[in-house]
PDB file of N, CA and C in Angstrom:
ATOM      1  N   MET A   1       0.672  -1.739  -0.017  1.00  0.00           N
ATOM      2  CA  MET A   1       0.061   0.051  -0.474  1.00  0.00           C
ATOM      3  C   MET A   1       0.601   1.161   0.144  1.00  0.00           C
ATOM      4  N   ASP A   2       0.933   1.892  -1.018  1.00  0.00           N
ATOM      5  CA  ASP A   2       1.537   3.270  -1.174  1.00  0.00           C
ATOM      6  C   ASP A   2       0.689   4.286  -0.062  1.00  0.00           C
ATOM      7  N   SER A   3       1.700   5.266   0.322  1.00  0.00           N
ATOM      8  CA  SER A   3       0.921   6.163   1.234  1.00  0.00           C
ATOM      9  C   SER A   3       0.311   7.491   0.722  1.00  0.00           C
ATOM     10  N   ASN A   4       0.746   7.365  -0.775  1.00  0.00           N
ATOM     11  CA  ASN A   4       0.148   8.485  -1.329  1.00  0.00           C
ATOM     12  C   ASN A   4      -1.728   8.116  -1.770  1.00  0.00           C
ATOM     13  N   THR A   5      -1.727   6.705  -1.739  1.00  0.00           N
ATOM     14  CA  THR A   5      -3.503   6.347  -2.052  1.00  0.00           C
ATOM     15  C   THR A   5      -4.254   6.475  -1.167  1.00  0.00           C
ATOM     16  N   PRO A   6      -5.424   6.458  -1.350  1.00  0.00           N
ATOM     17  CA  PRO A   6      -6.106   6.146   0.252  1.00  0.00           C
ATOM     18  C   PRO A   6      -6.335   4.387   0.906  1.00  0.00           C
ATOM     19  N   PHE A   7      -7.025   4.451   2.130  1.00  0.00           N
ATOM     20  CA  PHE A   7      -6.820   3.328   2.930  1.00  0.00           C
ATOM     21  C   PHE A   7      -7.908   2.538   2.060  1.00  0.00           C
ATOM     22  N   ASN A   8      -7.339   1.438   1.730  1.00  0.00           N
ATOM     23  CA  ASN A   8      -8.422   0.503   1.126  1.00  0.00           C
ATOM     24  C   ASN A   8      -8.021  -0.960   1.922  1.00  0.00           C
ATOM     25  N   LEU A   9      -9.425  -1.056   2.321  1.00  0.00           N
ATOM     26  CA  LEU A   9      -9.546  -2.343   3.247  1.00  0.00           C
ATOM     27  C   LEU A   9      -9.175  -3.664   2.505  1.00  0.00           C
ATOM     28  N   ILE A  10      -9.708  -3.876   1.497  1.00  0.00           N
ATOM     29  CA  ILE A  10      -9.589  -4.930   0.755  1.00  0.00           C
ATOM     30  C   ILE A  10      -8.207  -5.204   0.658  1.00  0.00           C
ATOM     31  N   ILE A  11      -7.066  -4.585  -0.095  1.00  0.00           N
ATOM     32  CA  ILE A  11      -5.714  -4.478   0.403  1.00  0.00           C
ATOM     33  C   ILE A  11      -5.265  -5.042   1.222  1.00  0.00           C
ATOM     34  N   PHE A  12      -5.616  -4.129   2.546  1.00  0.00           N
ATOM     35  CA  PHE A  12      -5.485  -4.271   4.304  1.00  0.00           C
ATOM     36  C   PHE A  12      -5.398  -5.170   4.403  1.00  0.00           C
ATOM     37  N   THR A  13      -6.755  -6.235   3.933  1.00  0.00           N
ATOM     38  CA  THR A  13      -6.984  -7.569   4.658  1.00  0.00           C
ATOM     39  C   THR A  13      -6.441  -8.682   3.980  1.00  0.00           C
ATOM     40  N   ASN A  14      -5.831  -8.205   2.744  1.00  0.00           N
ATOM     41  CA  ASN A  14      -5.158  -9.186   1.851  1.00  0.00           C
ATOM     42  C   ASN A  14      -3.227  -9.600   1.911  1.00  0.00           C
ATOM     43  N   GLU A  15      -2.792  -7.790   2.592  1.00  0.00           N
ATOM     44  CA  GLU A  15      -1.513  -8.145   3.332  1.00  0.00           C
ATOM     45  C   GLU A  15      -1.998  -8.632   4.431  1.00  0.00           C
ATOM     46  N   THR A  16      -2.904  -8.357   5.388  1.00  0.00           N
ATOM     47  CA  THR A  16      -2.888  -9.017   6.627  1.00  0.00           C
ATOM     48  C   THR A  16      -2.476 -10.703   6.637  1.00  0.00           C
ATOM     49  N   LYS A  17      -3.353 -11.609   5.762  1.00  0.00           N
ATOM     50  CA  LYS A  17      -3.523 -12.505   5.297  1.00  0.00           C
ATOM     51  C   LYS A  17      -1.648 -13.318   5.291  1.00  0.00           C
ATOM     52  N   LYS A  18      -1.430 -12.232   4.571  1.00  0.00           N
ATOM     53  CA  LYS A  18       0.170 -12.822   4.007  1.00  0.00           C
ATOM     54  C   LYS A  18       1.188 -12.548   5.609  1.00  0.00           C
ATOM     55  N   VAL A  19       1.009 -11.829   5.993  1.00  0.00           N
ATOM     56  CA  VAL A  19       1.638 -11.521   7.442  1.00  0.00           C
ATOM     57  C   VAL A  19       1.216 -13.038   7.973  1.00  0.00           C
ATOM     58  N   CYS A  20       0.054 -13.652   8.476  1.00  0.00           N
ATOM     59  CA  CYS A  20      -0.608 -14.645   9.185  1.00  0.00           C
ATOM     60  C   CYS A  20       0.060 -15.520   8.413  1.00  0.00           C
ATOM     61  N   LEU A  21      -0.012 -15.882   7.166  1.00  0.00           N
ATOM     62  CA  LEU A  21       0.335 -16.832   6.438  1.00  0.00           C
ATOM     63  C   LEU A  21       2.307 -16.987   6.441  1.00  0.00           C
ATOM     64  N   CYS A  22       2.802 -15.784   6.620  1.00  0.00           N
ATOM     65  CA  CYS A  22       4.309 -15.961   7.045  1.00  0.00           C
ATOM     66  C   CYS A  22       4.593 -16.239   8.276  1.00  0.00           C
ATOM     67  N   SER A  23       4.061 -15.984   8.738  1.00  0.00           N
ATOM     68  CA  SER A  23       4.435 -16.089  10.600  1.00  0.00           C
ATOM     69  C   SER A  23       3.850 -17.108  11.161  1.00  0.00           C
ATOM     70  N   ALA A  24       2.815 -17.777  10.236  1.00  0.00           N
ATOM     71  CA  ALA A  24       2.205 -19.899  10.779  1.00  0.00           C
ATOM     72  C   ALA A  24       3.589 -20.496   9.843  1.00  0.00           C
ATOM     73  N   THR A  25       3.993 -20.128   9.224  1.00  0.00           N
ATOM     74  CA  THR A  25       4.836 -21.068   7.988  1.00  0.00           C
ATOM     75  C   THR A  25       5.935 -20.990   8.848  1.00  0.00           C
ATOM     76  N   SER A  26       6.964 -19.926   9.528  1.00  0.00           N
ATOM     77  CA  SER A  26       8.015 -19.635  10.071  1.00  0.00           C
ATOM     78  C   SER A  26       7.579 -20.589  11.357  1.00  0.00           C
ATOM     79  N   ILE A  27       6.529 -19.957  11.966  1.00  0.00           N
ATOM     80  CA  ILE A  27       6.861 -20.870  13.327  1.00  0.00           C
ATOM     81  C   ILE A  27       6.374 -22.445  12.941  1.00  0.00           C
ATOM     82  N   PHE A  28       6.135 -22.737  12.082  1.00  0.00           N
ATOM     83  CA  PHE A  28       5.988 -24.528  11.965  1.00  0.00           C
ATOM     84  C   PHE A  28       7.282 -25.130  11.570  1.00  0.00           C
ATOM     85  N   LEU A  29       7.779 -24.196  10.424  1.00  0.00           N
ATOM     86  CA  LEU A  29       9.257 -24.749  10.498  1.00  0.00           C
ATOM     87  C   LEU A  29       9.997 -24.480  11.044  1.00  0.00           C
ATOM     88  N   ILE A  30      10.238 -23.804  12.319  1.00  0.00           N
ATOM     89  CA  ILE A  30      11.180 -23.932  13.442  1.00  0.00           C
ATOM     90  C   ILE A  30      10.866 -24.634  14.314  1.00  0.00           C
ATOM     91  N   VAL A  31       9.406 -25.340  14.355  1.00  0.00           N
ATOM     92  CA  VAL A  31       9.094 -26.618  14.877  1.00  0.00           C
ATOM     93  C   VAL A  31       9.847 -28.155  14.510  1.00  0.00           C
ATOM     94  N   LEU A  32       9.932 -27.764  13.511  1.00  0.00           N
ATOM     95  CA  LEU A  32       9.887 -28.690  12.240  1.00  0.00           C
ATOM     96  C   LEU A  32      11.540 -29.097  12.238  1.00  0.00           C
ATOM     97  N   PHE A  33      12.211 -27.657  12.392  1.00  0.00           N
ATOM     98  CA  PHE A  33      13.753 -27.966  11.746  1.00  0.00           C
ATOM     99  C   PHE A  33      14.990 -27.593  12.664  1.00  0.00           C
ATOM    100  N   ILE A  34      14.345 -26.802  14.061  1.00  0.00           N
ATOM    101  CA  ILE A  34      15.232 -26.583  15.021  1.00  0.00           C
ATOM    102  C   ILE A  34      14.643 -27.410  16.406  1.00  0.00           C
ATOM    103  N   ILE A  35      13.358 -27.840  16.781  1.00  0.00           N
ATOM    104  CA  ILE A  35      13.440 -28.114  17.892  1.00  0.00           C
ATOM    105  C   ILE A  35      12.850 -29.515  18.233  1.00  0.00           C
ATOM    106  N   SER A  36      12.605 -30.214  16.236  1.00  0.00           N
ATOM    107  CA  SER A  36      12.632 -31.574  16.495  1.00  0.00           C
ATOM    108  C   SER A  36      14.028 -32.209  16.263  1.00  0.00           C
ATOM    109  N   PRO A  37      14.019 -33.567  15.995  1.00  0.00           N
ATOM    110  CA  PRO A  37      15.309 -34.266  15.842  1.00  0.00           C
ATOM    111  C   PRO A  37      15.867 -33.972  14.458  1.00  0.00           C
ATOM    112  N   LEU A  38      14.505 -33.066  13.608  1.00  0.00           N
ATOM    113  CA  LEU A  38      15.132 -33.195  12.248  1.00  0.00           C
ATOM    114  C   LEU A  38      16.217 -32.059  12.406  1.00  0.00           C
ATOM    115  N   SER A  39      16.801 -31.462  13.504  1.00  0.00           N
ATOM    116  CA  SER A  39      17.777 -30.630  13.548  1.00  0.00           C
ATOM    117  C   SER A  39      18.916 -31.416  13.579  1.00  0.00           C
ATOM    118  N   ASN A  40      18.912 -32.446  13.890  1.00  0.00           N
ATOM    119  CA  ASN A  40      20.243 -33.313  13.772  1.00  0.00           C
ATOM    120  C   ASN A  40      20.986 -32.973  12.051  1.00  0.00           C
ATOM    121  N   PHE A  41      20.401 -32.732  11.416  1.00  0.00           N
ATOM    122  CA  PHE A  41      20.725 -33.308   9.910  1.00  0.00           C
ATOM    123  C   PHE A  41      21.332 -31.378   9.447  1.00  0.00           C
ATOM    124  N   PHE A  42      22.739 -31.622   9.385  1.00  0.00           N
ATOM    125  CA  PHE A  42      23.778 -30.254   9.584  1.00  0.00           C
ATOM    126  C   PHE A  42      22.851 -29.278   8.209  1.00  0.00           C
ATOM    127  N   THR A  43      22.973 -30.285   7.137  1.00  0.00           N
ATOM    128  CA  THR A  43      22.741 -29.389   5.819  1.00  0.00           C
ATOM    129  C   THR A  43      21.168 -28.898   5.515  1.00  0.00           C
ATOM    130  N   THR A  44      20.441 -29.910   6.204  1.00  0.00           N
ATOM    131  CA  THR A  44      19.175 -29.546   5.742  1.00  0.00           C
ATOM    132  C   THR A  44      18.617 -28.366   6.877  1.00  0.00           C
ATOM    133  N   SER A  45      18.859 -28.540   8.135  1.00  0.00           N
ATOM    134  CA  SER A  45      18.635 -27.798   9.237  1.00  0.00           C
ATOM    135  C   SER A  45      19.705 -26.366   9.328  1.00  0.00           C
ATOM    136  N   LEU A  46      20.445 -26.324   8.676  1.00  0.00           N
ATOM    137  CA  LEU A  46      21.220 -25.199   8.121  1.00  0.00           C
ATOM    138  C   LEU A  46      20.293 -24.524   7.220  1.00  0.00           C
ATOM    139  N   LEU A  47      20.057 -24.958   5.754  1.00  0.00           N
ATOM    140  CA  LEU A  47      19.734 -24.484   4.820  1.00  0.00           C
ATOM    141  C   LEU A  47      18.046 -24.094   5.372  1.00  0.00           C
ATOM    142  N   MET A  48      17.368 -24.569   6.112  1.00  0.00           N
ATOM    143  CA  MET A  48      16.046 -23.965   6.974  1.00  0.00           C
ATOM    144  C   MET A  48      16.184 -23.158   7.515  1.00  0.00           C
ATOM    145  N   LYS A  49      17.161 -23.031   8.766  1.00  0.00           N
ATOM    146  CA  LYS A  49      17.312 -22.071   9.296  1.00  0.00           C
ATOM    147  C   LYS A  49      17.421 -20.618   8.822  1.00  0.00           C
ATOM    148  N   ILE A  50      18.397 -20.542   7.426  1.00  0.00           N
ATOM    149  CA  ILE A  50      18.076 -19.606   6.886  1.00  0.00           C
ATOM    150  C   ILE A  50      17.034 -19.218   6.250  1.00  0.00           C
ATOM    151  N   VAL A  51      16.053 -20.311   5.284  1.00  0.00           N
ATOM    152  CA  VAL A  51      14.959 -20.047   5.207  1.00  0.00           C
ATOM    153  C   VAL A  51      13.487 -19.101   5.980  1.00  0.00           C
ATOM    154  N   ILE A  52      13.983 -19.755   7.561  1.00  0.00           N
ATOM    155  CA  ILE A  52      13.234 -19.209   8.566  1.00  0.00           C
ATOM    156  C   ILE A  52      13.438 -17.889   8.584  1.00  0.00           C
ATOM    157  N   LEU A  53      14.730 -17.630   8.949  1.00  0.00           N
ATOM    158  CA  LEU A  53      15.375 -16.314   9.106  1.00  0.00           C
ATOM    159  C   LEU A  53      14.310 -15.126   8.001  1.00  0.00           C
ATOM    160  N   LEU A  54      14.532 -15.856   6.929  1.00  0.00           N
ATOM    161  CA  LEU A  54      14.024 -14.889   5.394  1.00  0.00           C
ATOM    162  C   LEU A  54      12.883 -14.689   5.717  1.00  0.00           C
ATOM    163  N   ILE A  55      11.918 -15.739   6.181  1.00  0.00           N
ATOM    164  CA  ILE A  55      10.450 -15.546   6.068  1.00  0.00           C
ATOM    165  C   ILE A  55      10.035 -14.837   7.216  1.00  0.00           C
ATOM    166  N   LEU A  56      10.734 -14.922   8.722  1.00  0.00           N
ATOM    167  CA  LEU A  56      10.524 -13.983   9.645  1.00  0.00           C
ATOM    168  C   LEU A  56      11.407 -12.570   9.446  1.00  0.00           C
ATOM    169  N   LEU A  57      12.216 -12.161   8.758  1.00  0.00           N
ATOM    170  CA  LEU A  57      12.431 -11.033   8.300  1.00  0.00           C
ATOM    171  C   LEU A  57      11.160 -10.267   7.096  1.00  0.00           C
ATOM    172  N   TYR A  58      10.802 -10.935   6.337  1.00  0.00           N
ATOM    173  CA  TYR A  58       9.786 -10.400   5.021  1.00  0.00           C
ATOM    174  C   TYR A  58       8.509 -10.350   6.028  1.00  0.00           C
ATOM    175  N   THR A  59       7.959 -11.007   7.121  1.00  0.00           N
ATOM    176  CA  THR A  59       6.960 -11.169   7.932  1.00  0.00           C
ATOM    177  C   THR A  59       7.229  -9.692   8.551  1.00  0.00           C
ATOM    178  N   ILE A  60       8.158  -9.191   9.127  1.00  0.00           N
ATOM    179  CA  ILE A  60       8.688  -7.891   9.511  1.00  0.00           C
ATOM    180  C   ILE A  60       8.294  -6.738   9.161  1.00  0.00           C
ATOM    181  N   TYR A  61       9.277  -7.107   7.829  1.00  0.00           N
ATOM    182  CA  TYR A  61       8.637  -6.022   6.892  1.00  0.00           C
ATOM    183  C   TYR A  61       7.172  -5.465   6.462  1.00  0.00           C
ATOM    184  N   LEU A  62       6.010  -6.740   6.108  1.00  0.00           N
ATOM    185  CA  LEU A  62       5.086  -6.821   6.236  1.00  0.00           C
ATOM    186  C   LEU A  62       4.584  -6.272   6.918  1.00  0.00           C
ATOM    187  N   ASN A  63       4.299  -6.540   8.707  1.00  0.00           N
ATOM    188  CA  ASN A  63       3.827  -5.838   9.508  1.00  0.00           C
ATOM    189  C   ASN A  63       4.216  -4.664   9.832  1.00  0.00           C
ATOM    190  N   ASN A  64       5.472  -4.129   9.220  1.00  0.00           N
ATOM    191  CA  ASN A  64       5.666  -2.853   9.694  1.00  0.00           C
ATOM    192  C   ASN A  64       4.962  -1.941   8.544  1.00  0.00           C
ATOM    193  N   LYS A  65       4.779  -2.097   7.667  1.00  0.00           N
ATOM    194  CA  LYS A  65       3.970  -1.788   6.328  1.00  0.00           C
ATOM    195  C   LYS A  65       2.690  -1.686   6.494  1.00  0.00           C
ATOM    196  N   GLN A  66       2.238  -2.571   7.048  1.00  0.00           N
ATOM    197  CA  GLN A  66       0.533  -2.679   7.786  1.00  0.00           C
ATOM    198  C   GLN A  66       0.558  -1.706   9.070  1.00  0.00           C
ATOM    199  N   THR A  67       1.538  -1.824   9.859  1.00  0.00           N
ATOM    200  CA  THR A  67       1.140  -0.606  10.765  1.00  0.00           C
ATOM    201  C   THR A  67       1.416   1.451  10.623  1.00  0.00           C
ATOM    202  N   GLN A  68       2.011   0.788   9.665  1.00  0.00           N
ATOM    203  CA  GLN A  68       1.942   2.627   8.795  1.00  0.00           C
ATOM    204  C   GLN A  68       1.145   2.785   8.047  1.00  0.00           C
ATOM    205  N   SER A  69       0.082   2.150   7.083  1.00  0.00           N
ATOM    206  CA  SER A  69      -0.838   2.275   6.620  1.00  0.00           C
ATOM    207  C   SER A  69      -2.064   2.390   8.013  1.00  0.00           C
ATOM    208  N   LEU A  70      -1.908   1.543   8.676  1.00  0.00           N
ATOM    209  CA  LEU A  70      -2.873   2.021   9.939  1.00  0.00           C
ATOM    210  C   LEU A  70      -2.904   3.298  10.865  1.00  0.00           C
ATOM    211  N   SER A  71      -1.514   3.540  10.737  1.00  0.00           N
ATOM    212  CA  SER A  71      -1.195   5.237  11.242  1.00  0.00           C
ATOM    213  C   SER A  71      -1.638   6.195  10.233  1.00  0.00           C
ATOM    214  N   HIS A  72      -1.487   6.042   9.193  1.00  0.00           N
ATOM    215  CA  HIS A  72      -1.816   6.757   8.295  1.00  0.00           C
ATOM    216  C   HIS A  72      -3.418   6.886   8.164  1.00  0.00           C
ATOM    217  N   ALA A  73      -4.389   5.902   8.347  1.00  0.00           N
ATOM    218  CA  ALA A  73      -5.467   5.688   8.434  1.00  0.00           C
ATOM    219  C   ALA A  73      -5.972   6.485   9.617  1.00  0.00           C
ATOM    220  N   SER A  74      -5.410   5.915  10.835  1.00  0.00           N
ATOM    221  CA  SER A  74      -5.686   7.223  11.868  1.00  0.00           C
ATOM    222  C   SER A  74      -5.806   8.244  12.075  1.00  0.00           C
ATOM    223  N   SER A  75      -5.155   8.956  11.330  1.00  0.00           N
ATOM    224  CA  SER A  75      -4.501  10.402  11.298  1.00  0.00           C
ATOM    225  C   SER A  75      -6.027  10.760  10.213  1.00  0.00           C
ATOM    226  N   VAL A  76      -6.285  10.127   9.534  1.00  0.00           N
ATOM    227  CA  VAL A  76      -7.127  10.547   8.326  1.00  0.00           C
ATOM    228  C   VAL A  76      -8.839  10.674   9.472  1.00  0.00           C
ATOM    229  N   ILE A  77      -9.373   9.786  10.000  1.00  0.00           N
ATOM    230  CA  ILE A  77     -10.369   9.461  10.283  1.00  0.00           C
ATOM    231  C   ILE A  77     -10.673  10.512  11.706  1.00  0.00           C
ATOM    232  N   ASN A  78     -11.919  11.077  11.403  1.00  0.00           N
ATOM    233  CA  ASN A  78     -12.388  11.855  12.453  1.00  0.00           C
ATOM    234  C   ASN A  78     -13.027  11.297  13.870  1.00  0.00           C
ATOM    235  N   SER A  79     -13.221  10.191  13.533  1.00  0.00           N
ATOM    236  CA  SER A  79     -13.925   9.359  15.004  1.00  0.00           C
ATOM    237  C   SER A  79     -13.085   9.005  16.093  1.00  0.00           C
ATOM    238  N   GLU A  80     -13.429   9.568  16.978  1.00  0.00           N
ATOM    239  CA  GLU A  80     -12.850   9.267  18.360  1.00  0.00           C
ATOM    240  C   GLU A  80     -12.330   7.592  18.852  1.00  0.00           C
ATOM    241  N   LYS A  81     -13.845   6.805  18.529  1.00  0.00           N
ATOM    242  CA  LYS A  81     -13.967   5.800  19.068  1.00  0.00           C
ATOM    243  C   LYS A  81     -13.127   4.918  18.135  1.00  0.00           C
ATOM    244  N   LEU A  82     -13.465   5.493  16.766  1.00  0.00           N
ATOM    245  CA  LEU A  82     -12.169   4.768  15.590  1.00  0.00           C
ATOM    246  C   LEU A  82     -10.968   4.835  15.691  1.00  0.00           C
ATOM    247  N   LYS A  83     -10.764   6.030  16.459  1.00  0.00           N
ATOM    248  CA  LYS A  83      -9.144   6.180  16.221  1.00  0.00           C
ATOM    249  C   LYS A  83      -8.666   5.535  17.303  1.00  0.00           C
ATOM    250  N   SER A  84      -9.134   5.031  18.612  1.00  0.00           N
ATOM    251  CA  SER A  84      -8.319   4.806  19.623  1.00  0.00           C
ATOM    252  C   SER A  84      -8.429   3.096  19.338  1.00  0.00           C
ATOM    253  N   GLN A  85      -9.406   2.210  18.399  1.00  0.00           N
ATOM    254  CA  GLN A  85      -9.306   1.408  18.174  1.00  0.00           C
ATOM    255  C   GLN A  85      -8.338   1.127  17.082  1.00  0.00           C
ATOM    256  N   LEU A  86      -7.829   1.860  16.308  1.00  0.00           N
ATOM    257  CA  LEU A  86      -6.634   1.822  15.299  1.00  0.00           C
ATOM    258  C   LEU A  86      -5.426   1.837  16.428  1.00  0.00           C
ATOM    259  N   LYS A  87      -5.662   2.735  17.272  1.00  0.00           N
ATOM    260  CA  LYS A  87      -4.000   2.924  18.069  1.00  0.00           C
ATOM    261  C   LYS A  87      -3.776   1.966  18.802  1.00  0.00           C
ATOM    262  N   LEU A  88      -4.841   1.256  19.477  1.00  0.00           N
ATOM    263  CA  LEU A  88      -4.911  -0.063  19.993  1.00  0.00           C
ATOM    264  C   LEU A  88      -4.071  -0.640  19.103  1.00  0.00           C
ATOM    265  N   ASN A  89      -4.982  -1.124  17.926  1.00  0.00           N
ATOM    266  CA  ASN A  89      -3.964  -2.289  16.432  1.00  0.00           C
ATOM    267  C   ASN A  89      -2.824  -1.877  16.333  1.00  0.00           C
ATOM    268  N   ILE A  90      -2.515  -0.466  16.491  1.00  0.00           N
ATOM    269  CA  ILE A  90      -1.091  -0.053  15.977  1.00  0.00           C
ATOM    270  C   ILE A  90      -0.061  -0.527  17.193  1.00  0.00           C
ATOM    271  N   ILE A  91      -0.359  -0.571  18.402  1.00  0.00           N
ATOM    272  CA  ILE A  91       0.241  -0.830  19.610  1.00  0.00           C
ATOM    273  C   ILE A  91       0.394  -1.996  19.601  1.00  0.00           C
ATOM    274  N   CYS A  92      -0.526  -2.882  19.203  1.00  0.00           N
ATOM    275  CA  CYS A  92      -0.475  -4.263  19.198  1.00  0.00           C
ATOM    276  C   CYS A  92       0.404  -5.210  17.721  1.00  0.00           C
ATOM    277  N   SER A  93       0.163  -4.515  17.216  1.00  0.00           N
ATOM    278  CA  SER A  93       1.511  -4.295  15.781  1.00  0.00           C
ATOM    279  C   SER A  93       2.596  -4.342  16.081  1.00  0.00           C
ATOM    280  N   TYR A  94       3.019  -3.616  17.004  1.00  0.00           N
ATOM    281  CA  TYR A  94       4.217  -3.214  17.527  1.00  0.00           C
ATOM    282  C   TYR A  94       4.754  -4.826  18.361  1.00  0.00           C
ATOM    283  N   VAL A  95       3.871  -5.138  19.173  1.00  0.00           N
ATOM    284  CA  VAL A  95       3.991  -6.182  20.132  1.00  0.00           C
ATOM    285  C   VAL A  95       4.607  -6.963  19.428  1.00  0.00           C
ATOM    286  N   PHE A  96       3.130  -7.323  18.334  1.00  0.00           N
ATOM    287  CA  PHE A  96       3.792  -8.530  17.842  1.00  0.00           C
ATOM    288  C   PHE A  96       5.139  -8.792  16.788  1.00  0.00           C
ATOM    289  N   THR A  97       5.645  -7.117  16.267  1.00  0.00           N
ATOM    290  CA  THR A  97       6.777  -7.134  16.100  1.00  0.00           C
ATOM    291  C   THR A  97       7.829  -7.429  16.981  1.00  0.00           C
ATOM    292  N   ILE A  98       8.146  -7.202  17.871  1.00  0.00           N
ATOM    293  CA  ILE A  98       9.083  -7.130  19.188  1.00  0.00           C
ATOM    294  C   ILE A  98       8.907  -8.784  19.088  1.00  0.00           C
ATOM    295  N   PHE A  99       7.716  -9.745  19.143  1.00  0.00           N
ATOM    296  CA  PHE A  99       7.757 -10.900  19.393  1.00  0.00           C
ATOM    297  C   PHE A  99       8.652 -11.787  18.182  1.00  0.00           C
ATOM    298  N   ILE A 100       8.177 -11.311  17.026  1.00  0.00           N
ATOM    299  CA  ILE A 100       8.513 -12.001  15.512  1.00  0.00           C
ATOM    300  C   ILE A 100      10.567 -11.492  15.802  1.00  0.00           C
ATOM    301  N   GLY A 101      10.739 -10.615  16.142  1.00  0.00           N
ATOM    302  CA  GLY A 101      11.940 -10.145  16.539  1.00  0.00           C
ATOM    303  C   GLY A 101      12.838 -10.882  17.712  1.00  0.00           C
ATOM    304  N   LEU A 102      12.024 -11.353  18.543  1.00  0.00           N
ATOM    305  CA  LEU A 102      12.537 -12.581  19.942  1.00  0.00           C
ATOM    306  C   LEU A 102      12.962 -14.157  18.778  1.00  0.00           C
ATOM    307  N   LEU A 103      11.969 -14.322  17.923  1.00  0.00           N
ATOM    308  CA  LEU A 103      12.006 -15.442  17.330  1.00  0.00           C
ATOM    309  C   LEU A 103      13.263 -15.394  16.401  1.00  0.00           C
ATOM    310  N   VAL A 104      13.525 -14.267  16.012  1.00  0.00           N
ATOM    311  CA  VAL A 104      14.869 -14.034  14.779  1.00  0.00           C
ATOM    312  C   VAL A 104      15.987 -13.963  15.760  1.00  0.00           C
ATOM    313  N   ILE A 105      16.164 -13.357  16.793  1.00  0.00           N
ATOM    314  CA  ILE A 105      17.090 -13.812  17.870  1.00  0.00           C
ATOM    315  C   ILE A 105      16.703 -15.688  18.109  1.00  0.00           C
ATOM    316  N   PHE A 106      15.955 -16.097  18.415  1.00  0.00           N
ATOM    317  CA  PHE A 106      16.288 -17.349  18.722  1.00  0.00           C
ATOM    318  C   PHE A 106      16.602 -18.517  17.317  1.00  0.00           C
ATOM    319  N   VAL A 107      16.175 -17.947  16.310  1.00  0.00           N
ATOM    320  CA  VAL A 107      16.466 -18.643  15.431  1.00  0.00           C
ATOM    321  C   VAL A 107      18.058 -18.370  14.803  1.00  0.00           C
ATOM    322  N   ILE A 108      18.567 -17.247  15.364  1.00  0.00           N
ATOM    323  CA  ILE A 108      19.952 -16.873  15.137  1.00  0.00           C
ATOM    324  C   ILE A 108      20.874 -17.703  16.426  1.00  0.00           C
ATOM    325  N   LYS A 109      20.373 -17.538  17.616  1.00  0.00           N
ATOM    326  CA  LYS A 109      20.769 -18.513  18.679  1.00  0.00           C
ATOM    327  C   LYS A 109      20.953 -19.836  18.115  1.00  0.00           C
ATOM    328  N   SER A 110      20.483 -20.771  17.705  1.00  0.00           N
ATOM    329  CA  SER A 110      20.546 -22.104  17.430  1.00  0.00           C
ATOM    330  C   SER A 110      21.533 -22.148  16.154  1.00  0.00           C
ATOM    331  N   PHE A 111      22.605 -21.079  15.081  1.00  0.00           N
ATOM    332  CA  PHE A 111      23.357 -21.448  14.567  1.00  0.00           C
ATOM    333  C   PHE A 111      24.506 -21.607  15.561  1.00  0.00           C
ATOM    334  N   PHE A 112      24.278 -21.505  16.909  1.00  0.00           N
ATOM    335  CA  PHE A 112      25.663 -21.656  17.441  1.00  0.00           C
ATOM    336  C   PHE A 112      25.567 -22.659  18.760  1.00  0.00           C
TER     337      PHE A 112
END
C-alpha cells in the first residue's frame, strides 16, 4: 500500500493474510527443523534456518508496512472511538513485531 493512495480495506486484509501466513509458516518450520530431531541433519537444518530467518524478516517488513498504513488511516479518521481502536491495533502490531524479533534472535542463537 502506497502512502499516497487512500486506505483500502481489501488491500489491507490481503496484506494481513500474508503476514499471518508468513508467521504461521515460520513457526511451523521452527518447530519442524529447530526443535524436532530433524535439527540433527546439519545441511538441511542450516538451509532451513536461513529460510526461516528470511521468512521472519519478511514478516517484520510486512507488519511494519501494515502499521504504517494503520497510522496513516488513523490520522485521517475523525471518530474518536475508531481512532482509539486503530491506535490499540497499532500498539498490538508493535508488540507482534517485538515477538517476531525475539523469534529471529532465537533462530540466530540456534546457529551456535
